[in-house]
Amino acid sequence: QVKLEESGGGLVQPGGSLRLSCVASGRIFSINRMGWYRQAPGKERELVADTSGGTTNYADSVKGRFSISRDNAKNTVYLQMNSLKPEDTAVYYCKAVVQTAVRSMYTYWGQGTQVTVSS
């Protein structure tokens, strides 16, 4: 079993910054891909950013403002969010594609952390 634990969410004013962290723990052989998704009220969950093998992907709406990074030694992924806008308000979820054994790969989700951008 693998657990993803997110932290770093909160309330911030427009233009402010937050840094989200997600730590994976448990039966981990290797982690293929880690990333962040978000879901705003009444909307579908959407990709924010993810990273795998040194490559990164960003949603167009966050390019130039958000930055994803990963510490493989700590099984941790970070999301640095700058110049936050009210439309960034959502629950942010960590996702990881984890190899738990030689031929076993599964997708795991964290429970989510609330980010609210408001004055």
N, C-alpha and C. Protein backbone atom coordinates (compact mmCIF):
# COMPACT_ATOMS: atom_id res chain seq x y z
N GLN A 1 0.84 -1.19 0.00
CA GLN A 1 0.00 0.00 0.00
C GLN A 1 0.88 1.25 0.00
N VAL A 2 0.45 2.25 -0.74
CA VAL A 2 1.18 3.50 -0.83
C VAL A 2 0.27 4.63 -0.37
N LYS A 3 0.83 5.53 0.37
CA LYS A 3 0.07 6.68 0.86
C LYS A 3 0.71 7.96 0.36
N LEU A 4 -0.13 8.90 -0.09
CA LEU A 4 0.34 10.22 -0.49
C LEU A 4 -0.20 11.24 0.51
N GLU A 5 0.68 12.04 1.05
CA GLU A 5 0.26 13.04 2.04
C GLU A 5 0.64 14.42 1.55
N GLU A 6 -0.38 15.26 1.36
CA GLU A 6 -0.18 16.62 0.87
C GLU A 6 -0.14 17.60 2.04
N SER A 7 0.55 18.70 1.82
CA SER A 7 0.56 19.79 2.79
C SER A 7 0.85 21.10 2.07
N GLY A 8 0.57 22.21 2.78
CA GLY A 8 0.93 23.51 2.24
C GLY A 8 -0.21 24.36 1.73
N GLY A 9 -1.41 23.82 1.71
CA GLY A 9 -2.54 24.62 1.25
C GLY A 9 -2.92 25.68 2.26
N GLY A 10 -3.85 26.54 1.87
CA GLY A 10 -4.30 27.58 2.79
C GLY A 10 -4.97 28.73 2.07
N LEU A 11 -5.14 29.81 2.80
CA LEU A 11 -5.75 31.03 2.28
C LEU A 11 -4.66 32.04 1.96
N VAL A 12 -4.72 32.60 0.77
CA VAL A 12 -3.72 33.58 0.35
C VAL A 12 -4.41 34.66 -0.46
N GLN A 13 -3.86 35.86 -0.41
CA GLN A 13 -4.42 36.97 -1.18
C GLN A 13 -3.99 36.87 -2.64
N PRO A 14 -4.78 37.44 -3.53
CA PRO A 14 -4.37 37.46 -4.96
C PRO A 14 -2.97 38.08 -5.10
N GLY A 15 -2.18 37.43 -5.95
CA GLY A 15 -0.79 37.86 -6.13
C GLY A 15 0.18 37.18 -5.20
N GLY A 16 -0.33 36.46 -4.24
CA GLY A 16 0.53 35.79 -3.26
C GLY A 16 1.06 34.47 -3.76
N SER A 17 1.77 33.78 -2.87
CA SER A 17 2.42 32.51 -3.22
C SER A 17 2.12 31.45 -2.17
N LEU A 18 2.13 30.22 -2.62
CA LEU A 18 2.05 29.06 -1.74
C LEU A 18 2.93 27.96 -2.33
N ARG A 19 3.38 27.08 -1.44
CA ARG A 19 4.15 25.92 -1.88
C ARG A 19 3.50 24.67 -1.34
N LEU A 20 3.07 23.81 -2.25
CA LEU A 20 2.47 22.54 -1.86
C LEU A 20 3.55 21.45 -1.87
N SER A 21 3.40 20.51 -0.94
CA SER A 21 4.30 19.36 -0.88
C SER A 21 3.47 18.09 -0.85
N CYS A 22 4.02 17.03 -1.42
CA CYS A 22 3.36 15.73 -1.40
C CYS A 22 4.43 14.66 -1.20
N VAL A 23 4.28 13.91 -0.12
CA VAL A 23 5.23 12.85 0.19
C VAL A 23 4.58 11.50 0.00
N ALA A 24 5.25 10.63 -0.74
CA ALA A 24 4.77 9.26 -0.93
C ALA A 24 5.50 8.33 0.03
N SER A 25 4.73 7.43 0.64
CA SER A 25 5.33 6.48 1.57
C SER A 25 4.66 5.13 1.40
N GLY A 26 5.37 4.10 1.86
CA GLY A 26 4.81 2.75 1.77
C GLY A 26 5.66 1.86 0.89
N ARG A 27 5.01 0.90 0.24
CA ARG A 27 5.69 -0.10 -0.58
C ARG A 27 6.00 0.51 -1.95
N ILE A 28 7.18 1.11 -2.06
CA ILE A 28 7.57 1.82 -3.28
C ILE A 28 8.84 1.21 -3.85
N PHE A 29 8.72 0.67 -5.05
CA PHE A 29 9.89 0.18 -5.78
C PHE A 29 10.50 1.35 -6.56
N SER A 30 9.65 2.09 -7.23
CA SER A 30 10.06 3.31 -7.91
C SER A 30 8.80 4.13 -8.21
N ILE A 31 8.99 5.40 -8.46
CA ILE A 31 7.88 6.28 -8.82
C ILE A 31 8.08 6.75 -10.25
N ASN A 32 7.12 6.44 -11.10
CA ASN A 32 7.21 6.78 -12.51
C ASN A 32 6.90 8.27 -12.71
N ARG A 33 5.76 8.67 -12.27
CA ARG A 33 5.27 10.03 -12.53
C ARG A 33 4.61 10.58 -11.27
N MET A 34 4.85 11.85 -10.99
CA MET A 34 4.17 12.54 -9.89
C MET A 34 3.64 13.86 -10.40
N GLY A 35 2.53 14.26 -9.85
CA GLY A 35 1.97 15.52 -10.32
C GLY A 35 0.85 16.03 -9.45
N TRP A 36 0.30 17.14 -9.89
CA TRP A 36 -0.76 17.83 -9.17
C TRP A 36 -1.96 18.06 -10.08
N TYR A 37 -3.11 17.81 -9.54
CA TYR A 37 -4.38 18.10 -10.19
C TYR A 37 -5.17 19.00 -9.26
N ARG A 38 -6.20 19.63 -9.80
CA ARG A 38 -7.06 20.44 -8.94
C ARG A 38 -8.51 20.32 -9.40
N GLN A 39 -9.39 20.56 -8.43
CA GLN A 39 -10.82 20.50 -8.72
C GLN A 39 -11.50 21.65 -8.00
N ALA A 40 -12.09 22.53 -8.78
CA ALA A 40 -12.85 23.65 -8.23
C ALA A 40 -14.32 23.23 -8.11
N PRO A 41 -15.07 23.88 -7.26
CA PRO A 41 -16.49 23.54 -7.10
C PRO A 41 -17.23 23.57 -8.42
N GLY A 42 -17.95 22.49 -8.72
CA GLY A 42 -18.75 22.43 -9.93
C GLY A 42 -17.97 22.15 -11.20
N LYS A 43 -16.67 21.90 -11.05
CA LYS A 43 -15.84 21.65 -12.23
C LYS A 43 -15.19 20.28 -12.13
N GLU A 44 -14.70 19.79 -13.26
CA GLU A 44 -14.01 18.52 -13.28
C GLU A 44 -12.57 18.69 -12.80
N ARG A 45 -12.02 17.59 -12.31
CA ARG A 45 -10.62 17.61 -11.91
C ARG A 45 -9.76 17.80 -13.15
N GLU A 46 -8.73 18.66 -13.01
CA GLU A 46 -7.87 18.96 -14.16
C GLU A 46 -6.40 18.88 -13.77
N LEU A 47 -5.58 18.56 -14.75
CA LEU A 47 -4.14 18.54 -14.53
C LEU A 47 -3.64 19.96 -14.33
N VAL A 48 -2.79 20.13 -13.32
CA VAL A 48 -2.10 21.39 -13.11
C VAL A 48 -0.67 21.27 -13.64
N ALA A 49 0.03 20.25 -13.16
CA ALA A 49 1.40 20.02 -13.59
C ALA A 49 1.82 18.61 -13.19
N ASP A 50 2.68 17.99 -14.01
CA ASP A 50 3.24 16.73 -13.60
C ASP A 50 4.65 16.61 -14.15
N THR A 51 5.37 15.60 -13.61
CA THR A 51 6.75 15.43 -14.00
C THR A 51 7.11 13.96 -14.02
N SER A 52 7.92 13.60 -15.02
CA SER A 52 8.37 12.22 -15.16
C SER A 52 9.67 12.21 -15.93
N GLY A 53 10.68 11.53 -15.39
CA GLY A 53 11.94 11.41 -16.10
C GLY A 53 12.57 12.72 -16.50
N GLY A 54 12.36 13.74 -15.71
CA GLY A 54 12.96 15.04 -16.01
C GLY A 54 12.12 15.94 -16.89
N THR A 55 11.05 15.42 -17.45
CA THR A 55 10.16 16.26 -18.26
C THR A 55 8.99 16.74 -17.41
N THR A 56 8.49 17.90 -17.73
CA THR A 56 7.37 18.47 -16.99
C THR A 56 6.27 18.92 -17.95
N ASN A 57 5.05 18.89 -17.46
CA ASN A 57 3.90 19.38 -18.22
C ASN A 57 3.12 20.33 -17.34
N TYR A 58 2.63 21.40 -17.93
CA TYR A 58 1.84 22.38 -17.20
C TYR A 58 0.56 22.68 -17.95
N ALA A 59 -0.49 22.94 -17.20
CA ALA A 59 -1.70 23.48 -17.80
C ALA A 59 -1.39 24.88 -18.31
N ASP A 60 -2.00 25.25 -19.42
CA ASP A 60 -1.75 26.58 -19.98
C ASP A 60 -2.06 27.69 -18.98
N SER A 61 -3.05 27.45 -18.15
CA SER A 61 -3.50 28.49 -17.22
C SER A 61 -2.49 28.79 -16.11
N VAL A 62 -1.51 27.91 -15.92
CA VAL A 62 -0.55 28.12 -14.83
C VAL A 62 0.88 28.31 -15.33
N LYS A 63 1.09 28.19 -16.63
CA LYS A 63 2.44 28.35 -17.18
C LYS A 63 3.00 29.73 -16.84
N GLY A 64 4.24 29.74 -16.38
CA GLY A 64 4.88 30.99 -16.02
C GLY A 64 4.61 31.43 -14.59
N ARG A 65 3.65 30.78 -13.94
CA ARG A 65 3.32 31.14 -12.55
C ARG A 65 3.63 30.00 -11.58
N PHE A 66 3.40 28.77 -12.01
CA PHE A 66 3.60 27.60 -11.16
C PHE A 66 4.85 26.85 -11.62
N SER A 67 5.50 26.19 -10.66
CA SER A 67 6.67 25.40 -10.98
C SER A 67 6.63 24.10 -10.18
N ILE A 68 6.78 22.97 -10.87
CA ILE A 68 6.78 21.67 -10.22
C ILE A 68 8.22 21.18 -10.10
N SER A 69 8.52 20.56 -8.99
CA SER A 69 9.84 19.97 -8.80
C SER A 69 9.70 18.70 -7.98
N ARG A 70 10.74 17.90 -8.00
CA ARG A 70 10.65 16.58 -7.38
C ARG A 70 11.97 16.25 -6.70
N ASP A 71 11.88 15.67 -5.53
CA ASP A 71 13.04 15.16 -4.81
C ASP A 71 12.90 13.65 -4.77
N ASN A 72 13.58 12.96 -5.66
CA ASN A 72 13.41 11.52 -5.77
C ASN A 72 13.89 10.79 -4.50
N ALA A 73 14.89 11.31 -3.87
CA ALA A 73 15.42 10.66 -2.66
C ALA A 73 14.40 10.68 -1.53
N LYS A 74 13.51 11.67 -1.56
CA LYS A 74 12.50 11.81 -0.51
C LYS A 74 11.11 11.41 -0.99
N ASN A 75 11.01 10.90 -2.22
CA ASN A 75 9.69 10.54 -2.79
C ASN A 75 8.70 11.69 -2.64
N THR A 76 9.17 12.89 -2.92
CA THR A 76 8.37 14.09 -2.69
C THR A 76 8.28 14.93 -3.96
N VAL A 77 7.11 15.49 -4.17
CA VAL A 77 6.91 16.43 -5.27
C VAL A 77 6.40 17.73 -4.69
N TYR A 78 6.85 18.83 -5.26
CA TYR A 78 6.47 20.16 -4.80
C TYR A 78 5.77 20.92 -5.92
N LEU A 79 4.93 21.85 -5.53
CA LEU A 79 4.33 22.76 -6.48
C LEU A 79 4.45 24.17 -5.92
N GLN A 80 5.32 24.95 -6.52
CA GLN A 80 5.48 26.35 -6.13
C GLN A 80 4.50 27.18 -6.95
N MET A 81 3.61 27.86 -6.26
CA MET A 81 2.56 28.63 -6.93
C MET A 81 2.76 30.10 -6.62
N ASN A 82 3.04 30.87 -7.66
CA ASN A 82 3.24 32.31 -7.53
C ASN A 82 2.15 33.06 -8.30
N SER A 83 2.04 34.33 -8.00
CA SER A 83 1.06 35.19 -8.68
C SER A 83 -0.32 34.54 -8.70
N LEU A 84 -0.74 34.06 -7.56
CA LEU A 84 -2.00 33.34 -7.47
C LEU A 84 -3.19 34.23 -7.79
N LYS A 85 -4.18 33.64 -8.43
CA LYS A 85 -5.39 34.33 -8.84
C LYS A 85 -6.60 33.67 -8.17
N PRO A 86 -7.69 34.40 -8.03
CA PRO A 86 -8.89 33.78 -7.45
C PRO A 86 -9.32 32.52 -8.18
N GLU A 87 -9.09 32.47 -9.48
CA GLU A 87 -9.48 31.28 -10.25
C GLU A 87 -8.60 30.07 -9.99
N ASP A 88 -7.54 30.24 -9.23
CA ASP A 88 -6.73 29.11 -8.81
C ASP A 88 -7.32 28.41 -7.58
N THR A 89 -8.36 28.99 -7.02
CA THR A 89 -9.01 28.39 -5.86
C THR A 89 -9.58 27.02 -6.21
N ALA A 90 -9.17 26.01 -5.45
CA ALA A 90 -9.59 24.63 -5.71
C ALA A 90 -9.01 23.73 -4.63
N VAL A 91 -9.45 22.49 -4.65
CA VAL A 91 -8.75 21.45 -3.88
C VAL A 91 -7.68 20.88 -4.79
N TYR A 92 -6.46 20.86 -4.30
CA TYR A 92 -5.32 20.37 -5.06
C TYR A 92 -4.99 18.94 -4.60
N TYR A 93 -4.89 18.05 -5.58
CA TYR A 93 -4.63 16.64 -5.31
C TYR A 93 -3.28 16.24 -5.89
N CYS A 94 -2.57 15.46 -5.12
CA CYS A 94 -1.32 14.86 -5.58
C CYS A 94 -1.64 13.51 -6.21
N LYS A 95 -0.95 13.21 -7.29
CA LYS A 95 -1.12 11.91 -7.96
C LYS A 95 0.26 11.32 -8.22
N ALA A 96 0.38 10.02 -8.02
CA ALA A 96 1.65 9.35 -8.29
C ALA A 96 1.40 8.02 -8.96
N VAL A 97 2.21 7.72 -9.95
CA VAL A 97 2.19 6.40 -10.60
C VAL A 97 3.38 5.65 -10.03
N VAL A 98 3.08 4.61 -9.26
CA VAL A 98 4.09 3.96 -8.44
C VAL A 98 4.27 2.51 -8.86
N GLN A 99 5.52 2.12 -9.00
CA GLN A 99 5.82 0.71 -9.22
C GLN A 99 6.08 0.09 -7.85
N THR A 100 5.22 -0.84 -7.47
CA THR A 100 5.33 -1.45 -6.15
C THR A 100 6.10 -2.77 -6.17
N ALA A 101 6.28 -3.32 -7.35
CA ALA A 101 7.04 -4.55 -7.53
C ALA A 101 7.50 -4.58 -8.98
N VAL A 102 8.20 -5.64 -9.38
CA VAL A 102 8.79 -5.67 -10.71
C VAL A 102 7.74 -5.46 -11.81
N ARG A 103 6.59 -6.09 -11.67
CA ARG A 103 5.57 -5.97 -12.72
C ARG A 103 4.25 -5.44 -12.17
N SER A 104 4.33 -4.56 -11.19
CA SER A 104 3.12 -4.00 -10.60
C SER A 104 3.22 -2.48 -10.54
N MET A 105 2.33 -1.82 -11.25
CA MET A 105 2.33 -0.36 -11.27
C MET A 105 0.90 0.12 -11.03
N TYR A 106 0.76 1.07 -10.09
CA TYR A 106 -0.56 1.55 -9.73
C TYR A 106 -0.56 3.07 -9.63
N THR A 107 -1.74 3.64 -9.77
CA THR A 107 -1.92 5.08 -9.60
C THR A 107 -2.54 5.35 -8.24
N TYR A 108 -1.94 6.29 -7.53
CA TYR A 108 -2.44 6.66 -6.21
C TYR A 108 -2.75 8.15 -6.17
N TRP A 109 -3.72 8.49 -5.33
CA TRP A 109 -4.12 9.89 -5.13
C TRP A 109 -4.03 10.25 -3.65
N GLY A 110 -3.67 11.49 -3.40
CA GLY A 110 -3.77 12.02 -2.05
C GLY A 110 -5.19 12.45 -1.76
N GLN A 111 -5.40 12.88 -0.53
CA GLN A 111 -6.75 13.27 -0.12
C GLN A 111 -7.09 14.71 -0.47
N GLY A 112 -6.10 15.47 -0.85
CA GLY A 112 -6.35 16.84 -1.30
C GLY A 112 -6.06 17.87 -0.24
N THR A 113 -5.66 19.06 -0.71
CA THR A 113 -5.43 20.19 0.18
C THR A 113 -6.09 21.41 -0.44
N GLN A 114 -6.80 22.16 0.38
CA GLN A 114 -7.56 23.31 -0.12
C GLN A 114 -6.65 24.51 -0.32
N VAL A 115 -6.78 25.12 -1.48
CA VAL A 115 -6.11 26.40 -1.76
C VAL A 115 -7.20 27.42 -2.07
N THR A 116 -7.22 28.49 -1.31
CA THR A 116 -8.20 29.55 -1.50
C THR A 116 -7.48 30.86 -1.73
N VAL A 117 -7.78 31.49 -2.86
CA VAL A 117 -7.17 32.78 -3.20
C VAL A 117 -8.26 33.84 -3.13
N SER A 118 -8.15 34.69 -2.14
CA SER A 118 -9.20 35.68 -1.91
C SER A 118 -8.66 36.84 -1.09
N SER A 119 -9.21 38.01 -1.36
CA SER A 119 -8.83 39.19 -0.57
C SER A 119 -9.81 39.39 0.58
